[in-house]
Amino acid sequence: MLTSDAEAAAAQPGDGPSAPPLPEPRGSRLRVARAVGAIGRLMMTTGVVVLLLVVYQLWGTNIENGRAQGELADEFASRRADTPTAEPPTTTETPTTTRTPATTEAAPSATAPIEVAPTVAPPAL
C-alpha cells in the first residue's frame, strides 16, 4: 500500500510498524561510564606529568649543571689569571755538604729481620 507524504506525516508513531526505540542507559551504567572516563583522564594526565618529570630529570638538570660548571670555569680562570705565577728561584750558590759525626750504632743491614706488628685481639661483641 502506497501512501502519500501527507499521510506519512500525519501518521502517529504507534500507527504502524516502526523500529523499536533504543534502550535508555540506566542511571548506574551512566555513572559507571562517567567514573571510568574520569579515571582514564586522570591516569593519562598523571602519565603526562610523570613523562615531563623524566624529561626534566634527564635534560633540564643537565642544562642547569652545564650552566653552573661554566660559571665555575670562568671564576677559576679569572682567579688563576689574577694570581701571579711563581717562578722557581734562580740561585748560583754552590751546594754545601755537611758531615754528621760518626755514631757507634750500626745501620740496619738489608738482611736484618723485619719486625712484625703485634696482633690485636678482636673486640668483644
PDB file of N, CA and C in Angstrom:
ATOM      1  N   MET A   1       0.814  -1.152   0.000  1.00  0.00           N
ATOM      2  CA  MET A   1       0.000   0.000   0.000  1.00  0.00           C
ATOM      3  C   MET A   1       0.862   1.221   0.000  1.00  0.00           C
ATOM      4  N   LEU A   2       0.601   2.100  -0.899  1.00  0.00           N
ATOM      5  CA  LEU A   2       1.360   3.318  -1.049  1.00  0.00           C
ATOM      6  C   LEU A   2       0.663   4.448  -0.345  1.00  0.00           C
ATOM      7  N   THR A   3       1.460   5.258   0.293  1.00  0.00           N
ATOM      8  CA  THR A   3       0.875   6.409   0.998  1.00  0.00           C
ATOM      9  C   THR A   3       1.571   7.654   0.534  1.00  0.00           C
ATOM     10  N   SER A   4       0.889   8.729   0.652  1.00  0.00           N
ATOM     11  CA  SER A   4       1.485   9.998   0.249  1.00  0.00           C
ATOM     12  C   SER A   4       2.279  10.577   1.414  1.00  0.00           C
ATOM     13  N   ASP A   5       3.030  11.602   1.110  1.00  0.00           N
ATOM     14  CA  ASP A   5       3.842  12.244   2.138  1.00  0.00           C
ATOM     15  C   ASP A   5       2.964  12.858   3.218  1.00  0.00           C
ATOM     16  N   ALA A   6       1.836  13.363   2.845  1.00  0.00           N
ATOM     17  CA  ALA A   6       0.940  13.983   3.822  1.00  0.00           C
ATOM     18  C   ALA A   6       0.409  12.930   4.777  1.00  0.00           C
ATOM     19  N   GLU A   7       0.101  11.757   4.247  1.00  0.00           N
ATOM     20  CA  GLU A   7      -0.413  10.692   5.113  1.00  0.00           C
ATOM     21  C   GLU A   7       0.697  10.193   6.037  1.00  0.00           C
ATOM     22  N   ALA A   8       1.948  10.124   5.538  1.00  0.00           N
ATOM     23  CA  ALA A   8       3.061   9.662   6.360  1.00  0.00           C
ATOM     24  C   ALA A   8       3.355  10.663   7.462  1.00  0.00           C
ATOM     25  N   ALA A   9       3.198  11.961   7.147  1.00  0.00           N
ATOM     26  CA  ALA A   9       3.456  12.972   8.164  1.00  0.00           C
ATOM     27  C   ALA A   9       2.368  12.970   9.207  1.00  0.00           C
ATOM     28  N   ALA A  10       1.156  12.669   8.829  1.00  0.00           N
ATOM     29  CA  ALA A  10       0.033  12.691   9.770  1.00  0.00           C
ATOM     30  C   ALA A  10      -0.021  11.412  10.588  1.00  0.00           C
ATOM     31  N   ALA A  11       0.691  10.391  10.205  1.00  0.00           N
ATOM     32  CA  ALA A  11       0.626   9.124  10.928  1.00  0.00           C
ATOM     33  C   ALA A  11       1.253   9.280  12.312  1.00  0.00           C
ATOM     34  N   GLN A  12       0.650   8.660  13.262  1.00  0.00           N
ATOM     35  CA  GLN A  12       1.120   8.678  14.644  1.00  0.00           C
ATOM     36  C   GLN A  12       2.207   7.611  14.812  1.00  0.00           C
ATOM     37  N   PRO A  13       3.091   7.776  15.798  1.00  0.00           N
ATOM     38  CA  PRO A  13       4.152   6.798  15.973  1.00  0.00           C
ATOM     39  C   PRO A  13       3.632   5.403  16.265  1.00  0.00           C
ATOM     40  N   GLY A  14       2.526   5.258  16.868  1.00  0.00           N
ATOM     41  CA  GLY A  14       2.031   3.924  17.189  1.00  0.00           C
ATOM     42  C   GLY A  14       1.107   3.359  16.145  1.00  0.00           C
ATOM     43  N   ASP A  15       0.963   3.980  14.970  1.00  0.00           N
ATOM     44  CA  ASP A  15       0.019   3.549  13.954  1.00  0.00           C
ATOM     45  C   ASP A  15       0.521   2.384  13.122  1.00  0.00           C
ATOM     46  N   GLY A  16       1.711   2.098  13.097  1.00  0.00           N
ATOM     47  CA  GLY A  16       2.153   1.037  12.212  1.00  0.00           C
ATOM     48  C   GLY A  16       3.472   0.468  12.683  1.00  0.00           C
ATOM     49  N   PRO A  17       4.011  -0.402  11.843  1.00  0.00           N
ATOM     50  CA  PRO A  17       5.299  -0.992  12.234  1.00  0.00           C
ATOM     51  C   PRO A  17       6.384   0.075  12.209  1.00  0.00           C
ATOM     52  N   SER A  18       7.144   0.158  13.260  1.00  0.00           N
ATOM     53  CA  SER A  18       8.263   1.106  13.346  1.00  0.00           C
ATOM     54  C   SER A  18       9.399   0.426  14.099  1.00  0.00           C
ATOM     55  N   ALA A  19      10.581   1.029  14.005  1.00  0.00           N
ATOM     56  CA  ALA A  19      11.758   0.457  14.667  1.00  0.00           C
ATOM     57  C   ALA A  19      11.580   0.582  16.180  1.00  0.00           C
ATOM     58  N   PRO A  20      11.974  -0.434  16.897  1.00  0.00           N
ATOM     59  CA  PRO A  20      11.831  -0.346  18.352  1.00  0.00           C
ATOM     60  C   PRO A  20      12.747   0.748  18.890  1.00  0.00           C
ATOM     61  N   PRO A  21      12.323   1.454  19.897  1.00  0.00           N
ATOM     62  CA  PRO A  21      13.155   2.537  20.443  1.00  0.00           C
ATOM     63  C   PRO A  21      14.420   1.960  21.092  1.00  0.00           C
ATOM     64  N   LEU A  22      15.501   2.726  21.007  1.00  0.00           N
ATOM     65  CA  LEU A  22      16.757   2.296  21.619  1.00  0.00           C
ATOM     66  C   LEU A  22      16.616   2.319  23.135  1.00  0.00           C
ATOM     67  N   PRO A  23      17.164   1.338  23.803  1.00  0.00           N
ATOM     68  CA  PRO A  23      17.040   1.322  25.258  1.00  0.00           C
ATOM     69  C   PRO A  23      17.859   2.460  25.862  1.00  0.00           C
ATOM     70  N   GLU A  24      17.279   3.109  26.809  1.00  0.00           N
ATOM     71  CA  GLU A  24      17.944   4.204  27.500  1.00  0.00           C
ATOM     72  C   GLU A  24      18.966   3.620  28.469  1.00  0.00           C
ATOM     73  N   PRO A  25      20.175   4.206  28.557  1.00  0.00           N
ATOM     74  CA  PRO A  25      21.130   3.690  29.534  1.00  0.00           C
ATOM     75  C   PRO A  25      20.594   3.950  30.934  1.00  0.00           C
ATOM     76  N   ARG A  26      20.761   2.980  31.747  1.00  0.00           N
ATOM     77  CA  ARG A  26      20.266   3.123  33.102  1.00  0.00           C
ATOM     78  C   ARG A  26      21.191   4.049  33.872  1.00  0.00           C
ATOM     79  N   GLY A  27      20.709   4.567  34.972  1.00  0.00           N
ATOM     80  CA  GLY A  27      21.460   5.528  35.773  1.00  0.00           C
ATOM     81  C   GLY A  27      22.770   4.968  36.283  1.00  0.00           C
ATOM     82  N   SER A  28      22.776   3.716  36.721  1.00  0.00           N
ATOM     83  CA  SER A  28      24.013   3.148  37.271  1.00  0.00           C
ATOM     84  C   SER A  28      25.049   2.944  36.169  1.00  0.00           C
ATOM     85  N   ARG A  29      24.595   2.534  34.985  1.00  0.00           N
ATOM     86  CA  ARG A  29      25.540   2.364  33.876  1.00  0.00           C
ATOM     87  C   ARG A  29      26.139   3.701  33.472  1.00  0.00           C
ATOM     88  N   LEU A  30      25.347   4.725  33.495  1.00  0.00           N
ATOM     89  CA  LEU A  30      25.819   6.052  33.129  1.00  0.00           C
ATOM     90  C   LEU A  30      26.850   6.549  34.142  1.00  0.00           C
ATOM     91  N   ARG A  31      26.582   6.306  35.416  1.00  0.00           N
ATOM     92  CA  ARG A  31      27.524   6.721  36.448  1.00  0.00           C
ATOM     93  C   ARG A  31      28.843   5.959  36.336  1.00  0.00           C
ATOM     94  N   VAL A  32      28.766   4.660  36.059  1.00  0.00           N
ATOM     95  CA  VAL A  32      29.977   3.852  35.918  1.00  0.00           C
ATOM     96  C   VAL A  32      30.780   4.331  34.712  1.00  0.00           C
ATOM     97  N   ALA A  33      30.095   4.608  33.619  1.00  0.00           N
ATOM     98  CA  ALA A  33      30.784   5.078  32.420  1.00  0.00           C
ATOM     99  C   ALA A  33      31.473   6.415  32.678  1.00  0.00           C
ATOM    100  N   ARG A  34      30.815   7.307  33.398  1.00  0.00           N
ATOM    101  CA  ARG A  34      31.426   8.599  33.717  1.00  0.00           C
ATOM    102  C   ARG A  34      32.629   8.413  34.643  1.00  0.00           C
ATOM    103  N   ALA A  35      32.512   7.510  35.621  1.00  0.00           N
ATOM    104  CA  ALA A  35      33.612   7.273  36.553  1.00  0.00           C
ATOM    105  C   ALA A  35      34.817   6.671  35.824  1.00  0.00           C
ATOM    106  N   VAL A  36      34.550   5.708  34.940  1.00  0.00           N
ATOM    107  CA  VAL A  36      35.645   5.101  34.181  1.00  0.00           C
ATOM    108  C   VAL A  36      36.314   6.149  33.291  1.00  0.00           C
ATOM    109  N   GLY A  37      35.538   6.995  32.676  1.00  0.00           N
ATOM    110  CA  GLY A  37      36.105   8.062  31.841  1.00  0.00           C
ATOM    111  C   GLY A  37      36.940   9.030  32.659  1.00  0.00           C
ATOM    112  N   ALA A  38      36.446   9.393  33.846  1.00  0.00           N
ATOM    113  CA  ALA A  38      37.199  10.312  34.702  1.00  0.00           C
ATOM    114  C   ALA A  38      38.501   9.673  35.173  1.00  0.00           C
ATOM    115  N   ILE A  39      38.457   8.405  35.533  1.00  0.00           N
ATOM    116  CA  ILE A  39      39.673   7.704  35.964  1.00  0.00           C
ATOM    117  C   ILE A  39      40.662   7.613  34.802  1.00  0.00           C
ATOM    118  N   GLY A  40      40.177   7.345  33.607  1.00  0.00           N
ATOM    119  CA  GLY A  40      41.054   7.283  32.433  1.00  0.00           C
ATOM    120  C   GLY A  40      41.735   8.612  32.162  1.00  0.00           C
ATOM    121  N   ARG A  41      40.969   9.709  32.232  1.00  0.00           N
ATOM    122  CA  ARG A  41      41.560  11.029  32.024  1.00  0.00           C
ATOM    123  C   ARG A  41      42.590  11.340  33.104  1.00  0.00           C
ATOM    124  N   LEU A  42      42.288  10.966  34.345  1.00  0.00           N
ATOM    125  CA  LEU A  42      43.220  11.194  35.445  1.00  0.00           C
ATOM    126  C   LEU A  42      44.512  10.408  35.238  1.00  0.00           C
ATOM    127  N   MET A  43      44.392   9.163  34.801  1.00  0.00           N
ATOM    128  CA  MET A  43      45.589   8.345  34.574  1.00  0.00           C
ATOM    129  C   MET A  43      46.424   8.886  33.419  1.00  0.00           C
ATOM    130  N   MET A  44      45.774   9.348  32.356  1.00  0.00           N
ATOM    131  CA  MET A  44      46.524   9.914  31.235  1.00  0.00           C
ATOM    132  C   MET A  44      47.225  11.203  31.649  1.00  0.00           C
ATOM    133  N   THR A  45      46.570  12.037  32.431  1.00  0.00           N
ATOM    134  CA  THR A  45      47.188  13.269  32.908  1.00  0.00           C
ATOM    135  C   THR A  45      48.376  12.954  33.805  1.00  0.00           C
ATOM    136  N   THR A  46      48.220  11.973  34.689  1.00  0.00           N
ATOM    137  CA  THR A  46      49.323  11.570  35.563  1.00  0.00           C
ATOM    138  C   THR A  46      50.501  11.047  34.733  1.00  0.00           C
ATOM    139  N   GLY A  47      50.237  10.282  33.708  1.00  0.00           N
ATOM    140  CA  GLY A  47      51.298   9.774  32.849  1.00  0.00           C
ATOM    141  C   GLY A  47      52.052  10.890  32.149  1.00  0.00           C
ATOM    142  N   VAL A  48      51.334  11.894  31.679  1.00  0.00           N
ATOM    143  CA  VAL A  48      51.993  13.021  31.016  1.00  0.00           C
ATOM    144  C   VAL A  48      52.865  13.776  32.018  1.00  0.00           C
ATOM    145  N   VAL A  49      52.365  13.971  33.239  1.00  0.00           N
ATOM    146  CA  VAL A  49      53.153  14.673  34.256  1.00  0.00           C
ATOM    147  C   VAL A  49      54.415  13.880  34.588  1.00  0.00           C
ATOM    148  N   VAL A  50      54.306  12.568  34.714  1.00  0.00           N
ATOM    149  CA  VAL A  50      55.482  11.736  35.014  1.00  0.00           C
ATOM    150  C   VAL A  50      56.481  11.802  33.861  1.00  0.00           C
ATOM    151  N   LEU A  51      56.003  11.764  32.632  1.00  0.00           N
ATOM    152  CA  LEU A  51      56.918  11.875  31.490  1.00  0.00           C
ATOM    153  C   LEU A  51      57.618  13.231  31.462  1.00  0.00           C
ATOM    154  N   LEU A  52      56.901  14.290  31.802  1.00  0.00           N
ATOM    155  CA  LEU A  52      57.531  15.611  31.859  1.00  0.00           C
ATOM    156  C   LEU A  52      58.584  15.657  32.963  1.00  0.00           C
ATOM    157  N   LEU A  53      58.341  14.986  34.078  1.00  0.00           N
ATOM    158  CA  LEU A  53      59.331  14.926  35.146  1.00  0.00           C
ATOM    159  C   LEU A  53      60.584  14.188  34.680  1.00  0.00           C
ATOM    160  N   VAL A  54      60.403  13.114  33.944  1.00  0.00           N
ATOM    161  CA  VAL A  54      61.553  12.365  33.422  1.00  0.00           C
ATOM    162  C   VAL A  54      62.350  13.230  32.447  1.00  0.00           C
ATOM    163  N   VAL A  55      61.666  13.947  31.598  1.00  0.00           N
ATOM    164  CA  VAL A  55      62.342  14.839  30.649  1.00  0.00           C
ATOM    165  C   VAL A  55      63.149  15.882  31.406  1.00  0.00           C
ATOM    166  N   TYR A  56      62.560  16.459  32.455  1.00  0.00           N
ATOM    167  CA  TYR A  56      63.279  17.459  33.251  1.00  0.00           C
ATOM    168  C   TYR A  56      64.504  16.832  33.916  1.00  0.00           C
ATOM    169  N   GLN A  57      64.333  15.633  34.476  1.00  0.00           N
ATOM    170  CA  GLN A  57      65.455  14.973  35.153  1.00  0.00           C
ATOM    171  C   GLN A  57      66.591  14.684  34.181  1.00  0.00           C
ATOM    172  N   LEU A  58      66.277  14.275  32.967  1.00  0.00           N
ATOM    173  CA  LEU A  58      67.316  13.914  32.007  1.00  0.00           C
ATOM    174  C   LEU A  58      67.970  15.123  31.361  1.00  0.00           C
ATOM    175  N   TRP A  59      67.188  16.065  30.900  1.00  0.00           N
ATOM    176  CA  TRP A  59      67.740  17.176  30.145  1.00  0.00           C
ATOM    177  C   TRP A  59      67.790  18.477  30.930  1.00  0.00           C
ATOM    178  N   GLY A  60      66.792  18.757  31.718  1.00  0.00           N
ATOM    179  CA  GLY A  60      66.743  20.023  32.454  1.00  0.00           C
ATOM    180  C   GLY A  60      67.868  20.164  33.448  1.00  0.00           C
ATOM    181  N   THR A  61      68.141  19.112  34.207  1.00  0.00           N
ATOM    182  CA  THR A  61      69.219  19.194  35.193  1.00  0.00           C
ATOM    183  C   THR A  61      70.579  19.272  34.503  1.00  0.00           C
ATOM    184  N   ASN A  62      70.723  18.641  33.350  1.00  0.00           N
ATOM    185  CA  ASN A  62      71.993  18.753  32.611  1.00  0.00           C
ATOM    186  C   ASN A  62      72.232  20.183  32.151  1.00  0.00           C
ATOM    187  N   ILE A  63      71.187  20.862  31.744  1.00  0.00           N
ATOM    188  CA  ILE A  63      71.328  22.259  31.318  1.00  0.00           C
ATOM    189  C   ILE A  63      71.739  23.120  32.502  1.00  0.00           C
ATOM    190  N   GLU A  64      71.085  22.921  33.671  1.00  0.00           N
ATOM    191  CA  GLU A  64      71.427  23.697  34.861  1.00  0.00           C
ATOM    192  C   GLU A  64      72.865  23.420  35.305  1.00  0.00           C
ATOM    193  N   ASN A  65      73.264  22.153  35.323  1.00  0.00           N
ATOM    194  CA  ASN A  65      74.622  21.809  35.741  1.00  0.00           C
ATOM    195  C   ASN A  65      75.658  22.354  34.767  1.00  0.00           C
ATOM    196  N   GLY A  66      75.370  22.311  33.484  1.00  0.00           N
ATOM    197  CA  GLY A  66      76.294  22.860  32.496  1.00  0.00           C
ATOM    198  C   GLY A  66      76.489  24.355  32.683  1.00  0.00           C
ATOM    199  N   ARG A  67      75.403  25.055  32.982  1.00  0.00           N
ATOM    200  CA  ARG A  67      75.492  26.496  33.210  1.00  0.00           C
ATOM    201  C   ARG A  67      76.325  26.787  34.464  1.00  0.00           C
ATOM    202  N   ALA A  68      76.076  26.026  35.538  1.00  0.00           N
ATOM    203  CA  ALA A  68      76.829  26.229  36.777  1.00  0.00           C
ATOM    204  C   ALA A  68      78.305  25.902  36.584  1.00  0.00           C
ATOM    205  N   GLN A  69      78.608  24.831  35.851  1.00  0.00           N
ATOM    206  CA  GLN A  69      80.004  24.474  35.607  1.00  0.00           C
ATOM    207  C   GLN A  69      80.697  25.529  34.746  1.00  0.00           C
ATOM    208  N   GLY A  70      79.973  26.121  33.813  1.00  0.00           N
ATOM    209  CA  GLY A  70      80.550  27.195  33.005  1.00  0.00           C
ATOM    210  C   GLY A  70      80.904  28.398  33.858  1.00  0.00           C
ATOM    211  N   GLU A  71      80.014  28.750  34.807  1.00  0.00           N
ATOM    212  CA  GLU A  71      80.303  29.863  35.712  1.00  0.00           C
ATOM    213  C   GLU A  71      81.525  29.554  36.578  1.00  0.00           C
ATOM    214  N   LEU A  72      81.611  28.322  37.076  1.00  0.00           N
ATOM    215  CA  LEU A  72      82.766  27.941  37.886  1.00  0.00           C
ATOM    216  C   LEU A  72      84.056  27.973  37.073  1.00  0.00           C
ATOM    217  N   ALA A  73      84.002  27.538  35.835  1.00  0.00           N
ATOM    218  CA  ALA A  73      85.195  27.563  34.986  1.00  0.00           C
ATOM    219  C   ALA A  73      85.647  29.000  34.736  1.00  0.00           C
ATOM    220  N   ASP A  74      84.683  29.902  34.512  1.00  0.00           N
ATOM    221  CA  ASP A  74      85.035  31.308  34.318  1.00  0.00           C
ATOM    222  C   ASP A  74      85.655  31.894  35.581  1.00  0.00           C
ATOM    223  N   GLU A  75      85.064  31.577  36.733  1.00  0.00           N
ATOM    224  CA  GLU A  75      85.597  32.079  38.001  1.00  0.00           C
ATOM    225  C   GLU A  75      87.009  31.538  38.248  1.00  0.00           C
ATOM    226  N   PHE A  76      87.215  30.263  37.952  1.00  0.00           N
ATOM    227  CA  PHE A  76      88.536  29.660  38.131  1.00  0.00           C
ATOM    228  C   PHE A  76      89.559  30.323  37.224  1.00  0.00           C
ATOM    229  N   ALA A  77      89.173  30.556  35.971  1.00  0.00           N
ATOM    230  CA  ALA A  77      90.110  31.179  35.021  1.00  0.00           C
ATOM    231  C   ALA A  77      90.454  32.598  35.466  1.00  0.00           C
ATOM    232  N   SER A  78      89.475  33.341  35.972  1.00  0.00           N
ATOM    233  CA  SER A  78      89.770  34.715  36.406  1.00  0.00           C
ATOM    234  C   SER A  78      90.652  34.709  37.641  1.00  0.00           C
ATOM    235  N   ARG A  79      90.418  33.798  38.569  1.00  0.00           N
ATOM    236  CA  ARG A  79      91.276  33.713  39.750  1.00  0.00           C
ATOM    237  C   ARG A  79      92.681  33.268  39.374  1.00  0.00           C
ATOM    238  N   ARG A  80      92.778  32.393  38.434  1.00  0.00           N
ATOM    239  CA  ARG A  80      94.094  31.921  38.014  1.00  0.00           C
ATOM    240  C   ARG A  80      94.856  33.040  37.316  1.00  0.00           C
ATOM    241  N   ALA A  81      94.125  33.872  36.571  1.00  0.00           N
ATOM    242  CA  ALA A  81      94.774  34.986  35.884  1.00  0.00           C
ATOM    243  C   ALA A  81      95.219  36.043  36.884  1.00  0.00           C
ATOM    244  N   ASP A  82      94.490  36.227  37.986  1.00  0.00           N
ATOM    245  CA  ASP A  82      94.843  37.220  38.996  1.00  0.00           C
ATOM    246  C   ASP A  82      96.041  36.789  39.831  1.00  0.00           C
ATOM    247  N   THR A  83      96.276  35.513  39.957  1.00  0.00           N
ATOM    248  CA  THR A  83      97.364  35.008  40.780  1.00  0.00           C
ATOM    249  C   THR A  83      98.667  35.070  39.998  1.00  0.00           C
ATOM    250  N   PRO A  84      99.706  35.704  40.600  1.00  0.00           N
ATOM    251  CA  PRO A  84     100.987  35.732  39.878  1.00  0.00           C
ATOM    252  C   PRO A  84     101.594  34.343  39.837  1.00  0.00           C
ATOM    253  N   THR A  85     102.236  34.061  38.743  1.00  0.00           N
ATOM    254  CA  THR A  85     102.863  32.753  38.605  1.00  0.00           C
ATOM    255  C   THR A  85     104.163  32.742  39.389  1.00  0.00           C
ATOM    256  N   ALA A  86     104.373  31.701  40.128  1.00  0.00           N
ATOM    257  CA  ALA A  86     105.589  31.586  40.928  1.00  0.00           C
ATOM    258  C   ALA A  86     106.680  30.974  40.073  1.00  0.00           C
ATOM    259  N   GLU A  87     107.752  31.725  39.907  1.00  0.00           N
ATOM    260  CA  GLU A  87     108.879  31.225  39.133  1.00  0.00           C
ATOM    261  C   GLU A  87     109.853  30.555  40.085  1.00  0.00           C
ATOM    262  N   PRO A  88     110.474  29.493  39.659  1.00  0.00           N
ATOM    263  CA  PRO A  88     111.448  28.862  40.546  1.00  0.00           C
ATOM    264  C   PRO A  88     112.621  29.803  40.780  1.00  0.00           C
ATOM    265  N   PRO A  89     113.116  29.850  42.009  1.00  0.00           N
ATOM    266  CA  PRO A  89     114.231  30.768  42.290  1.00  0.00           C
ATOM    267  C   PRO A  89     115.489  30.346  41.531  1.00  0.00           C
ATOM    268  N   THR A  90     116.177  31.316  41.031  1.00  0.00           N
ATOM    269  CA  THR A  90     117.436  31.047  40.332  1.00  0.00           C
ATOM    270  C   THR A  90     118.565  31.460  41.260  1.00  0.00           C
ATOM    271  N   THR A  91     119.299  30.499  41.714  1.00  0.00           N
ATOM    272  CA  THR A  91     120.414  30.789  42.618  1.00  0.00           C
ATOM    273  C   THR A  91     121.698  30.259  42.001  1.00  0.00           C
ATOM    274  N   THR A  92     122.743  30.895  42.357  1.00  0.00           N
ATOM    275  CA  THR A  92     124.051  30.471  41.872  1.00  0.00           C
ATOM    276  C   THR A  92     124.901  29.933  43.012  1.00  0.00           C
ATOM    277  N   GLU A  93     124.269  29.596  44.106  1.00  0.00           N
ATOM    278  CA  GLU A  93     125.009  29.083  45.243  1.00  0.00           C
ATOM    279  C   GLU A  93     125.507  27.685  44.943  1.00  0.00           C
ATOM    280  N   THR A  94     126.617  27.366  45.504  1.00  0.00           N
ATOM    281  CA  THR A  94     127.144  26.025  45.355  1.00  0.00           C
ATOM    282  C   THR A  94     126.591  25.170  46.492  1.00  0.00           C
ATOM    283  N   PRO A  95     126.260  23.968  46.188  1.00  0.00           N
ATOM    284  CA  PRO A  95     125.710  23.142  47.253  1.00  0.00           C
ATOM    285  C   PRO A  95     126.766  22.880  48.327  1.00  0.00           C
ATOM    286  N   THR A  96     126.343  22.938  49.543  1.00  0.00           N
ATOM    287  CA  THR A  96     127.249  22.678  50.657  1.00  0.00           C
ATOM    288  C   THR A  96     126.953  21.299  51.204  1.00  0.00           C
ATOM    289  N   THR A  97     127.966  20.652  51.663  1.00  0.00           N
ATOM    290  CA  THR A  97     127.799  19.332  52.254  1.00  0.00           C
ATOM    291  C   THR A  97     128.092  19.437  53.737  1.00  0.00           C
ATOM    292  N   THR A  98     127.302  18.796  54.500  1.00  0.00           N
ATOM    293  CA  THR A  98     127.531  18.790  55.940  1.00  0.00           C
ATOM    294  C   THR A  98     127.857  17.381  56.350  1.00  0.00           C
ATOM    295  N   ARG A  99     128.742  17.278  57.281  1.00  0.00           N
ATOM    296  CA  ARG A  99     129.138  15.962  57.765  1.00  0.00           C
ATOM    297  C   ARG A  99     128.536  15.771  59.140  1.00  0.00           C
ATOM    298  N   THR A 100     127.989  14.604  59.308  1.00  0.00           N
ATOM    299  CA  THR A 100     127.462  14.259  60.619  1.00  0.00           C
ATOM    300  C   THR A 100     128.514  13.467  61.358  1.00  0.00           C
ATOM    301  N   PRO A 101     128.548  13.625  62.660  1.00  0.00           N
ATOM    302  CA  PRO A 101     129.548  12.863  63.399  1.00  0.00           C
ATOM    303  C   PRO A 101     129.247  11.382  63.325  1.00  0.00           C
ATOM    304  N   ALA A 102     130.259  10.595  63.333  1.00  0.00           N
ATOM    305  CA  ALA A 102     130.115   9.146  63.244  1.00  0.00           C
ATOM    306  C   ALA A 102     129.484   8.619  64.525  1.00  0.00           C
ATOM    307  N   THR A 103     128.582   7.709  64.362  1.00  0.00           N
ATOM    308  CA  THR A 103     127.932   7.115  65.526  1.00  0.00           C
ATOM    309  C   THR A 103     128.439   5.712  65.708  1.00  0.00           C
ATOM    310  N   THR A 104     128.258   5.207  66.901  1.00  0.00           N
ATOM    311  CA  THR A 104     128.740   3.864  67.183  1.00  0.00           C
ATOM    312  C   THR A 104     127.707   2.809  66.801  1.00  0.00           C
ATOM    313  N   GLU A 105     126.478   3.237  66.580  1.00  0.00           N
ATOM    314  CA  GLU A 105     125.441   2.271  66.203  1.00  0.00           C
ATOM    315  C   GLU A 105     125.584   1.946  64.719  1.00  0.00           C
ATOM    316  N   ALA A 106     125.402   0.716  64.416  1.00  0.00           N
ATOM    317  CA  ALA A 106     125.494   0.295  63.023  1.00  0.00           C
ATOM    318  C   ALA A 106     124.123   0.450  62.372  1.00  0.00           C
ATOM    319  N   ALA A 107     124.133   0.808  61.149  1.00  0.00           N
ATOM    320  CA  ALA A 107     122.886   0.928  60.407  1.00  0.00           C
ATOM    321  C   ALA A 107     122.320  -0.464  60.182  1.00  0.00           C
ATOM    322  N   PRO A 108     120.997  -0.588  60.152  1.00  0.00           N
ATOM    323  CA  PRO A 108     120.431  -1.911  59.930  1.00  0.00           C
ATOM    324  C   PRO A 108     120.798  -2.404  58.538  1.00  0.00           C
ATOM    325  N   SER A 109     121.163  -3.644  58.474  1.00  0.00           N
ATOM    326  CA  SER A 109     121.542  -4.205  57.185  1.00  0.00           C
ATOM    327  C   SER A 109     120.300  -4.683  56.446  1.00  0.00           C
ATOM    328  N   ALA A 110     120.498  -4.970  55.206  1.00  0.00           N
ATOM    329  CA  ALA A 110     119.382  -5.411  54.378  1.00  0.00           C
ATOM    330  C   ALA A 110     118.916  -6.798  54.766  1.00  0.00           C
ATOM    331  N   THR A 111     119.756  -7.563  55.475  1.00  0.00           N
ATOM    332  CA  THR A 111     119.369  -8.926  55.855  1.00  0.00           C
ATOM    333  C   THR A 111     118.824  -8.990  57.275  1.00  0.00           C
ATOM    334  N   ALA A 112     118.647  -7.872  57.941  1.00  0.00           N
ATOM    335  CA  ALA A 112     118.120  -7.873  59.302  1.00  0.00           C
ATOM    336  C   ALA A 112     116.662  -8.314  59.266  1.00  0.00           C
ATOM    337  N   PRO A 113     116.250  -9.042  60.314  1.00  0.00           N
ATOM    338  CA  PRO A 113     114.853  -9.483  60.315  1.00  0.00           C
ATOM    339  C   PRO A 113     113.905  -8.293  60.452  1.00  0.00           C
ATOM    340  N   ILE A 114     112.772  -8.401  59.816  1.00  0.00           N
ATOM    341  CA  ILE A 114     111.764  -7.344  59.833  1.00  0.00           C
ATOM    342  C   ILE A 114     110.883  -7.551  61.058  1.00  0.00           C
ATOM    343  N   GLU A 115     110.663  -6.470  61.785  1.00  0.00           N
ATOM    344  CA  GLU A 115     109.799  -6.564  62.950  1.00  0.00           C
ATOM    345  C   GLU A 115     108.342  -6.545  62.498  1.00  0.00           C
ATOM    346  N   VAL A 116     107.557  -7.451  63.070  1.00  0.00           N
ATOM    347  CA  VAL A 116     106.150  -7.549  62.709  1.00  0.00           C
ATOM    348  C   VAL A 116     105.328  -6.918  63.819  1.00  0.00           C
ATOM    349  N   ALA A 117     104.307  -6.189  63.457  1.00  0.00           N
ATOM    350  CA  ALA A 117     103.438  -5.562  64.451  1.00  0.00           C
ATOM    351  C   ALA A 117     102.714  -6.629  65.252  1.00  0.00           C
ATOM    352  N   PRO A 118     102.492  -6.368  66.538  1.00  0.00           N
ATOM    353  CA  PRO A 118     101.795  -7.360  67.350  1.00  0.00           C
ATOM    354  C   PRO A 118     100.346  -7.511  66.898  1.00  0.00           C
ATOM    355  N   THR A 119      99.809  -8.687  67.080  1.00  0.00           N
ATOM    356  CA  THR A 119      98.413  -8.914  66.695  1.00  0.00           C
ATOM    357  C   THR A 119      97.490  -8.387  67.776  1.00  0.00           C
ATOM    358  N   VAL A 120      96.392  -7.884  67.363  1.00  0.00           N
ATOM    359  CA  VAL A 120      95.413  -7.295  68.268  1.00  0.00           C
ATOM    360  C   VAL A 120      94.228  -8.239  68.342  1.00  0.00           C
ATOM    361  N   ALA A 121      93.748  -8.454  69.576  1.00  0.00           N
ATOM    362  CA  ALA A 121      92.583  -9.331  69.750  1.00  0.00           C
ATOM    363  C   ALA A 121      91.344  -8.623  69.207  1.00  0.00           C
ATOM    364  N   PRO A 122      90.425  -9.375  68.610  1.00  0.00           N
ATOM    365  CA  PRO A 122      89.198  -8.745  68.098  1.00  0.00           C
ATOM    366  C   PRO A 122      88.345  -8.218  69.263  1.00  0.00           C
ATOM    367  N   PRO A 123      87.598  -7.175  69.045  1.00  0.00           N
ATOM    368  CA  PRO A 123      86.785  -6.606  70.120  1.00  0.00           C
ATOM    369  C   PRO A 123      85.653  -7.572  70.511  1.00  0.00           C
ATOM    370  N   ALA A 124      85.234  -7.431  71.741  1.00  0.00           N
ATOM    371  CA  ALA A 124      84.137  -8.286  72.224  1.00  0.00           C
ATOM    372  C   ALA A 124      82.815  -7.810  71.631  1.00  0.00           C
ATOM    373  N   LEU A 125      81.910  -8.754  71.445  1.00  0.00           N
ATOM    374  CA  LEU A 125      80.615  -8.377  70.872  1.00  0.00           C
ATOM    375  C   LEU A 125      79.741  -7.696  71.881  1.00  0.00           C
TER     376      LEU A 125
END
